[in-house]
C-alpha atoms as a PDB file:
ATOM      1  CA  MET A   1     -42.450  14.122 -27.653  1.00  0.00           C
ATOM      2  CA  LEU A   2     -41.845  10.461 -30.063  1.00  0.00           C
ATOM      3  CA  GLY A   3     -37.423  10.864 -30.850  1.00  0.00           C
ATOM      4  CA  GLU A   4     -36.843  14.364 -28.092  1.00  0.00           C
ATOM      5  CA  GLY A   5     -34.341  12.249 -26.516  1.00  0.00           C
ATOM      6  CA  ILE A   6     -32.225  11.542 -30.029  1.00  0.00           C
ATOM      7  CA  LEU A   7     -32.556  15.189 -30.508  1.00  0.00           C
ATOM      8  CA  LYS A   8     -31.182  16.577 -27.523  1.00  0.00           C
ATOM      9  CA  GLY A   9     -28.418  14.779 -27.911  1.00  0.00           C
ATOM     10  CA  MET A  10     -27.180  15.460 -31.696  1.00  0.00           C
ATOM     11  CA  ALA A  11     -28.126  18.968 -30.268  1.00  0.00           C
ATOM     12  CA  GLU A  12     -25.022  18.387 -27.494  1.00  0.00           C
ATOM     13  CA  THR A  13     -22.769  16.665 -30.232  1.00  0.00           C
ATOM     14  CA  ALA A  14     -23.416  19.516 -32.679  1.00  0.00           C
ATOM     15  CA  ARG A  15     -22.391  22.349 -30.511  1.00  0.00           C
ATOM     16  CA  ASN A  16     -19.271  20.411 -29.151  1.00  0.00           C
ATOM     17  CA  PHE A  17     -18.446  19.702 -32.641  1.00  0.00           C
ATOM     18  CA  ALA A  18     -19.010  23.239 -33.861  1.00  0.00           C
ATOM     19  CA  GLY A  19     -17.303  24.438 -30.569  1.00  0.00           C
ATOM     20  CA  SER A  20     -14.213  21.981 -30.625  1.00  0.00           C
ATOM     21  CA  PHE A  21     -13.178  25.572 -33.856  1.00  0.00           C
ATOM     22  CA  PHE A  22     -13.190  28.289 -31.190  1.00  0.00           C
ATOM     23  CA  SER A  23     -13.031  26.573 -27.863  1.00  0.00           C
ATOM     24  CA  ALA A  24     -10.450  24.748 -25.656  1.00  0.00           C
ATOM     25  CA  ASN A  25     -13.321  23.627 -23.250  1.00  0.00           C
ATOM     26  CA  ARG A  26     -15.160  21.708 -25.901  1.00  0.00           C
ATOM     27  CA  LEU A  27     -11.740  19.536 -27.538  1.00  0.00           C
ATOM     28  CA  THR A  28     -13.233  17.041 -25.285  1.00  0.00           C
ATOM     29  CA  THR A  29     -10.614  14.724 -26.894  1.00  0.00           C
ATOM     30  CA  VAL A  30      -7.528  13.841 -25.859  1.00  0.00           C
ATOM     31  CA  GLN A  31      -3.930  13.188 -28.366  1.00  0.00           C
ATOM     32  CA  TYR A  32      -3.075   9.977 -25.953  1.00  0.00           C
ATOM     33  CA  PRO A  33      -0.399   8.883 -25.871  1.00  0.00           C
ATOM     34  CA  GLU A  34       1.196  12.601 -25.944  1.00  0.00           C
ATOM     35  CA  GLU A  35      -1.319  14.030 -24.213  1.00  0.00           C
ATOM     36  CA  ARG A  36      -2.516  12.537 -20.824  1.00  0.00           C
ATOM     37  CA  ILE A  37      -5.098  12.841 -18.741  1.00  0.00           C
ATOM     38  CA  PRO A  38      -4.473  12.833 -14.931  1.00  0.00           C
ATOM     39  CA  ALA A  39      -5.406   9.691 -13.076  1.00  0.00           C
ATOM     40  CA  PHE A  40      -8.417  10.060 -10.752  1.00  0.00           C
ATOM     41  CA  GLU A  41      -7.256   9.742  -6.827  1.00  0.00           C
ATOM     42  CA  ALA A  42     -10.311   6.588  -6.569  1.00  0.00           C
ATOM     43  CA  THR A  43      -8.759   5.178  -9.868  1.00  0.00           C
ATOM     44  CA  CYS A  44      -7.781   1.621  -8.722  1.00  0.00           C
ATOM     45  CA  VAL A  45      -5.909  -0.338 -11.221  1.00  0.00           C
ATOM     46  CA  PHE A  46      -3.616  -3.293 -10.262  1.00  0.00           C
ATOM     47  CA  PRO A  47      -2.128  -3.663  -6.260  1.00  0.00           C
ATOM     48  CA  PHE A  48       2.001  -3.141  -5.254  1.00  0.00           C
ATOM     49  CA  LEU A  49       3.580  -3.050  -2.463  1.00  0.00           C
ATOM     50  CA  VAL A  50       4.541  -0.179  -0.291  1.00  0.00           C
ATOM     51  CA  TYR A  51       7.555   0.166   1.824  1.00  0.00           C
ATOM     52  CA  ASP A  52       9.159   2.618   3.565  1.00  0.00           C
ATOM     53  CA  GLY A  53      12.469   4.846   3.723  1.00  0.00           C
ATOM     54  CA  ALA A  54      15.006   4.287   0.708  1.00  0.00           C
ATOM     55  CA  ASP A  55      15.194   0.159   0.669  1.00  0.00           C
ATOM     56  CA  TRP A  56      12.677  -1.597  -1.051  1.00  0.00           C
ATOM     57  CA  GLN A  57      14.095  -4.618   0.787  1.00  0.00           C
ATOM     58  CA  ALA A  58      14.718  -3.374   3.885  1.00  0.00           C
ATOM     59  CA  GLY A  59      11.228  -0.706   4.491  1.00  0.00           C
ATOM     60  CA  LEU A  60       8.738  -3.574   2.481  1.00  0.00           C
ATOM     61  CA  ARG A  61       5.757  -3.627   5.032  1.00  0.00           C
ATOM     62  CA  CYS A  62       4.028  -6.851   4.103  1.00  0.00           C
ATOM     63  CA  VAL A  63       4.962  -9.762   6.666  1.00  0.00           C
ATOM     64  CA  ALA A  64       3.600 -12.376   4.655  1.00  0.00           C
ATOM     65  CA  CYS A  65       1.185 -13.697   6.654  1.00  0.00           C
ATOM     66  CA  GLN A  66      -0.263 -14.856   3.335  1.00  0.00           C
ATOM     67  CA  ILE A  67      -4.272 -13.231   4.334  1.00  0.00           C
ATOM     68  CA  CYS A  68      -4.124 -11.850   0.467  1.00  0.00           C
ATOM     69  CA  GLU A  69      -3.101 -14.663  -0.777  1.00  0.00           C
ATOM     70  CA  LYS A  70      -5.821 -16.629   1.564  1.00  0.00           C
ATOM     71  CA  GLU A  71      -8.190 -14.518   0.339  1.00  0.00           C
ATOM     72  CA  CYS A  72      -7.797 -13.734  -2.915  1.00  0.00           C
ATOM     73  CA  PRO A  73     -11.067 -15.027  -5.106  1.00  0.00           C
ATOM     74  CA  PRO A  74      -8.845 -15.637  -8.085  1.00  0.00           C
ATOM     75  CA  LYS A  75      -5.651 -17.491  -5.945  1.00  0.00           C
ATOM     76  CA  CYS A  76      -3.263 -14.981  -8.419  1.00  0.00           C
ATOM     77  CA  ILE A  77      -1.075 -14.199  -5.337  1.00  0.00           C
ATOM     78  CA  TYR A  78       1.500 -16.506  -4.471  1.00  0.00           C
ATOM     79  CA  ILE A  79       3.623 -16.108  -1.532  1.00  0.00           C
ATOM     80  CA  GLU A  80       6.451 -17.543   0.122  1.00  0.00           C
ATOM     81  CA  LYS A  81       7.586 -16.974   3.864  1.00  0.00           C
ATOM     82  CA  SER A  82      10.790 -15.692   5.586  1.00  0.00           C
ATOM     83  CA  THR A  83      12.552 -18.377   8.157  1.00  0.00           C
ATOM     84  CA  ASP A  84      14.415 -15.644   9.635  1.00  0.00           C
ATOM     85  CA  LYS A  85      12.934 -12.475  10.743  1.00  0.00           C
ATOM     86  CA  LYS A  86      13.310  -8.345  10.466  1.00  0.00           C
ATOM     87  CA  PRO A  87      12.289  -5.446  12.479  1.00  0.00           C
ATOM     88  CA  ASP A  88       9.143  -3.486  11.286  1.00  0.00           C
ATOM     89  CA  TYR A  89       8.100  -0.470  10.730  1.00  0.00           C
ATOM     90  CA  VAL A  90       7.501  -0.563  14.646  1.00  0.00           C
ATOM     91  CA  GLY A  91      10.305  -2.488  15.442  1.00  0.00           C
ATOM     92  CA  ARG A  92       8.187  -6.001  16.411  1.00  0.00           C
ATOM     93  CA  PRO A  93      10.693  -8.467  14.579  1.00  0.00           C
ATOM     94  CA  GLN A  94       8.399  -9.786  12.090  1.00  0.00           C
ATOM     95  CA  ALA A  95       8.684 -12.626   9.269  1.00  0.00           C
ATOM     96  CA  TYR A  96       9.054 -11.141   5.257  1.00  0.00           C
ATOM     97  CA  PRO A  97       8.411 -12.754   2.019  1.00  0.00           C
ATOM     98  CA  THR A  98      10.964 -14.512   0.293  1.00  0.00           C
ATOM     99  CA  ARG A  99       8.714 -13.874  -2.756  1.00  0.00           C
ATOM    100  CA  PHE A 100       5.616 -12.065  -3.269  1.00  0.00           C
ATOM    101  CA  ASP A 101       4.283 -12.394  -6.842  1.00  0.00           C
ATOM    102  CA  ILE A 102       1.239 -11.450  -8.456  1.00  0.00           C
ATOM    103  CA  ASP A 103      -0.404 -12.383 -12.110  1.00  0.00           C
ATOM    104  CA  THR A 104      -1.355  -9.618 -13.601  1.00  0.00           C
ATOM    105  CA  SER A 105      -3.280 -11.713 -16.476  1.00  0.00           C
ATOM    106  CA  VAL A 106      -5.655 -13.124 -13.600  1.00  0.00           C
ATOM    107  CA  CYS A 107      -5.493 -10.642 -11.589  1.00  0.00           C
ATOM    108  CA  MET A 108      -9.703  -9.114 -11.680  1.00  0.00           C
ATOM    109  CA  SER A 109      -8.988  -5.244  -9.006  1.00  0.00           C
ATOM    110  CA  CYS A 110     -11.398  -6.399  -6.697  1.00  0.00           C
ATOM    111  CA  GLN A 111      -8.837  -4.404  -3.914  1.00  0.00           C
ATOM    112  CA  ILE A 112      -9.630  -7.577  -1.573  1.00  0.00           C
ATOM    113  CA  CYS A 113      -6.244  -7.534  -0.658  1.00  0.00           C
ATOM    114  CA  VAL A 114      -5.913  -4.419  -0.003  1.00  0.00           C
ATOM    115  CA  GLU A 115      -9.119  -4.691   2.131  1.00  0.00           C
ATOM    116  CA  THR A 116      -7.951  -7.953   4.328  1.00  0.00           C
ATOM    117  CA  CYS A 117      -4.111  -6.638   4.806  1.00  0.00           C
ATOM    118  CA  PRO A 118      -3.613  -5.706   8.619  1.00  0.00           C
ATOM    119  CA  PHE A 119      -0.202  -3.790   8.095  1.00  0.00           C
ATOM    120  CA  GLU A 120      -1.571  -1.404   5.221  1.00  0.00           C
ATOM    121  CA  ALA A 121       1.426  -3.497   3.267  1.00  0.00           C
ATOM    122  CA  ILE A 122      -0.533  -3.434  -0.755  1.00  0.00           C
ATOM    123  CA  LYS A 123      -2.384  -0.767  -1.934  1.00  0.00           C
ATOM    124  CA  MET A 124      -3.888  -0.278  -5.680  1.00  0.00           C
ATOM    125  CA  ASP A 125      -1.657   1.674  -7.913  1.00  0.00           C
ATOM    126  CA  THR A 126      -3.297   3.602 -11.178  1.00  0.00           C
ATOM    127  CA  GLN A 127      -0.377   2.326 -13.520  1.00  0.00           C
ATOM    128  CA  PHE A 128      -2.263   0.285 -16.120  1.00  0.00           C
ATOM    129  CA  GLU A 129       0.570   0.395 -19.171  1.00  0.00           C
ATOM    130  CA  LEU A 130       1.315  -3.233 -18.835  1.00  0.00           C
ATOM    131  CA  ALA A 131       1.477  -4.381 -21.927  1.00  0.00           C
ATOM    132  CA  THR A 132       3.715  -6.257 -23.267  1.00  0.00           C
ATOM    133  CA  ASP A 133       3.961  -9.393 -26.426  1.00  0.00           C
ATOM    134  CA  ASP A 134       5.286 -12.202 -22.573  1.00  0.00           C
ATOM    135  CA  ARG A 135       1.920 -13.453 -22.024  1.00  0.00           C
ATOM    136  CA  PHE A 136       3.373 -15.491 -19.489  1.00  0.00           C
ATOM    137  CA  GLY A 137       6.700 -14.047 -17.695  1.00  0.00           C
ATOM    138  CA  GLY A 138       5.920 -10.086 -19.209  1.00  0.00           C
ATOM    139  CA  LEU A 139       2.359 -10.407 -16.616  1.00  0.00           C
ATOM    140  CA  LEU A 140       3.709 -12.028 -13.628  1.00  0.00           C
ATOM    141  CA  LEU A 141       5.018  -9.237 -11.402  1.00  0.00           C
ATOM    142  CA  ASP A 142       7.617 -10.027  -8.810  1.00  0.00           C
ATOM    143  CA  ARG A 143       8.414  -8.382  -5.133  1.00  0.00           C
ATOM    144  CA  LYS A 144      10.704  -5.844  -7.145  1.00  0.00           C
ATOM    145  CA  LYS A 145       8.052  -4.959  -9.983  1.00  0.00           C
ATOM    146  CA  LEU A 146       5.509  -4.934  -7.384  1.00  0.00           C
ATOM    147  CA  ALA A 147       7.479  -2.345  -4.636  1.00  0.00           C
ATOM    148  CA  LYS A 148       6.947   1.158  -4.796  1.00  0.00           C
ATOM    149  CA  SER A 149       7.992   3.915  -2.088  1.00  0.00           C
ATOM    150  CA  ASN A 150       5.377   5.411   0.158  1.00  0.00           C
ATOM    151  CA  GLU A 151       6.207   8.616  -1.533  1.00  0.00           C
ATOM    152  CA  TYR A 152       4.913   7.311  -4.610  1.00  0.00           C
ATOM    153  CA  TYR A 153       2.001   6.022  -2.722  1.00  0.00           C
ATOM    154  CA  HIS A 154       1.051   9.709  -1.241  1.00  0.00           C
ATOM    155  CA  SER A 155       1.460  11.292  -5.185  1.00  0.00           C
ATOM    156  CA  ILE A 156      -1.311   9.148  -6.614  1.00  0.00           C
ATOM    157  CA  HIS A 157      -3.581   8.798  -3.520  1.00  0.00           C
ATOM    158  CA  PRO A 158      -2.738  11.137  -1.300  1.00  0.00           C
ATOM    159  CA  ALA A 159      -5.701  11.492   1.260  1.00  0.00           C
ATOM    160  CA  ASP A 160      -5.686   7.554   1.926  1.00  0.00           C
ATOM    161  CA  ALA A 161      -1.601   7.798   2.504  1.00  0.00           C
ATOM    162  CA  ALA A 162      -1.753   9.803   4.743  1.00  0.00           C
ATOM    163  CA  GLU A 163      -4.924   8.779   6.953  1.00  0.00           C
ATOM    164  CA  VAL A 164      -2.416   5.435   6.497  1.00  0.00           C
ATOM    165  CA  ASP A 165       0.497   7.403   8.194  1.00  0.00           C
ATOM    166  CA  ALA A 166      -0.614   9.309  10.685  1.00  0.00           C
ATOM    167  CA  ARG A 167      -2.634   5.642  11.678  1.00  0.00           C
ATOM    168  CA  LEU A 168       0.862   3.621  11.356  1.00  0.00           C
ATOM    169  CA  ALA A 169       2.356   6.779  13.340  1.00  0.00           C
ATOM    170  CA  GLU A 170       0.098   6.302  15.976  1.00  0.00           C
ATOM    171  CA  GLU A 171       0.526   2.818  16.310  1.00  0.00           C
ATOM    172  CA  LYS A 172       3.717   3.306  16.398  1.00  0.00           C
ATOM    173  CA  GLU A 173       3.446   5.916  19.114  1.00  0.00           C
ATOM    174  CA  LYS A 174       1.931   3.473  22.157  1.00  0.00           C
ATOM    175  CA  THR A 175       4.292   0.382  21.365  1.00  0.00           C
ATOM    176  CA  GLU A 176       7.042   3.000  22.078  1.00  0.00           C
ATOM    177  CA  ALA A 177       5.228   4.088  24.251  1.00  0.00           C
ATOM    178  CA  LYS A 178       4.529   0.781  25.999  1.00  0.00           C
ATOM    179  CA  ALA A 179       7.996  -0.681  25.571  1.00  0.00           C
ATOM    180  CA  LYS A 180       9.196   1.843  27.519  1.00  0.00           C
ATOM    181  CA  ALA A 181       6.762   1.879  30.110  1.00  0.00           C
ATOM    182  CA  ALA A 182       7.631  -2.090  30.351  1.00  0.00           C
ATOM    183  CA  ALA A 183      12.000  -0.885  30.792  1.00  0.00           C
ATOM    184  CA  ASP A 184      11.337   1.226  33.207  1.00  0.00           C
ATOM    185  CA  ALA A 185       9.075  -1.080  35.280  1.00  0.00           C
ATOM    186  CA  ALA A 186      12.304  -3.760  34.861  1.00  0.00           C
ATOM    187  CA  ALA A 187      14.796  -0.965  35.818  1.00  0.00           C
ATOM    188  CA  ALA A 188      12.199   0.172  39.193  1.00  0.00           C
ATOM    189  CA  LYS A 189      12.216  -3.892  39.958  1.00  0.00           C
ATOM    190  CA  ALA A 190      16.202  -4.121  39.271  1.00  0.00           C
ATOM    191  CA  ALA A 191      16.786  -1.214  41.306  1.00  0.00           C
ATOM    192  CA  ALA A 192      14.223  -2.433  44.204  1.00  0.00           C
ATOM    193  CA  ALA A 193      15.585  -6.351  44.042  1.00  0.00           C
ATOM    194  CA  LYS A 194      19.352  -4.422  44.328  1.00  0.00           C
ATOM    195  CA  ALA A 195      18.216  -2.430  47.517  1.00  0.00           C
ATOM    196  CA  ALA A 196      16.641  -5.309  49.514  1.00  0.00           C
ATOM    197  CA  ALA A 197      19.323  -7.661  48.905  1.00  0.00           C
ATOM    198  CA  ALA A 198      22.265  -4.521  50.084  1.00  0.00           C
ATOM    199  CA  LYS A 199      19.860  -4.449  53.627  1.00  0.00           C
ATOM    200  CA  PRO A 200      20.456  -8.155  54.891  1.00  0.00           C
ATOM    201  CA  ALA A 201      24.405  -7.458  54.062  1.00  0.00           C
ATOM    202  CA  GLU A 202      24.439  -3.794  56.307  1.00  0.00           C
ATOM    203  CA  GLY A 203      22.875  -5.558  59.113  1.00  0.00           C
ATOM    204  CA  GLY A 204      25.118  -8.331  59.145  1.00  0.00           C
ATOM    205  CA  ASP A 205      27.876  -5.925  59.757  1.00  0.00           C
END
């Protein structure tokens, strides 16, 4: 029938309009910004940097490997690497970014930075209210503005965050076990060398 789709659409609109006077389920309009719809877990807007613990500088996962900066298609990430090192989440000494800026006026939210990061240090935020009257400095976010806790990451992407935590914990456990095995082997080797050195001395007596 010609125009059947149009009639169905108009009927649905009329049903929602009439139903909105009697049923809360028909109130599809949200009075933003007073009312807000919770963001879906899959919502991805702009990147942020994850840190562990209470201190964002000490707990920043980023080691300034600069892979995200090189892979970023619009080239909106700017990183400067430190000359010294600090322990990472598994205790290995790593460099860290002295500068990490993202120009959100250029960022196209492609998530390539997230996909290429080998340290689970950069993730996508759900925060979209970033409007500002400063079109230059206000849209250039530095590492302090980008840094958000792992707890925040859990609050917006709980499934992904739990998976990442489990993977990092497993990696940390393997690293600690490997370090312990190496320390035990070194101690055993030192003890054997000490015992071997003591035998000739006993024979001489």
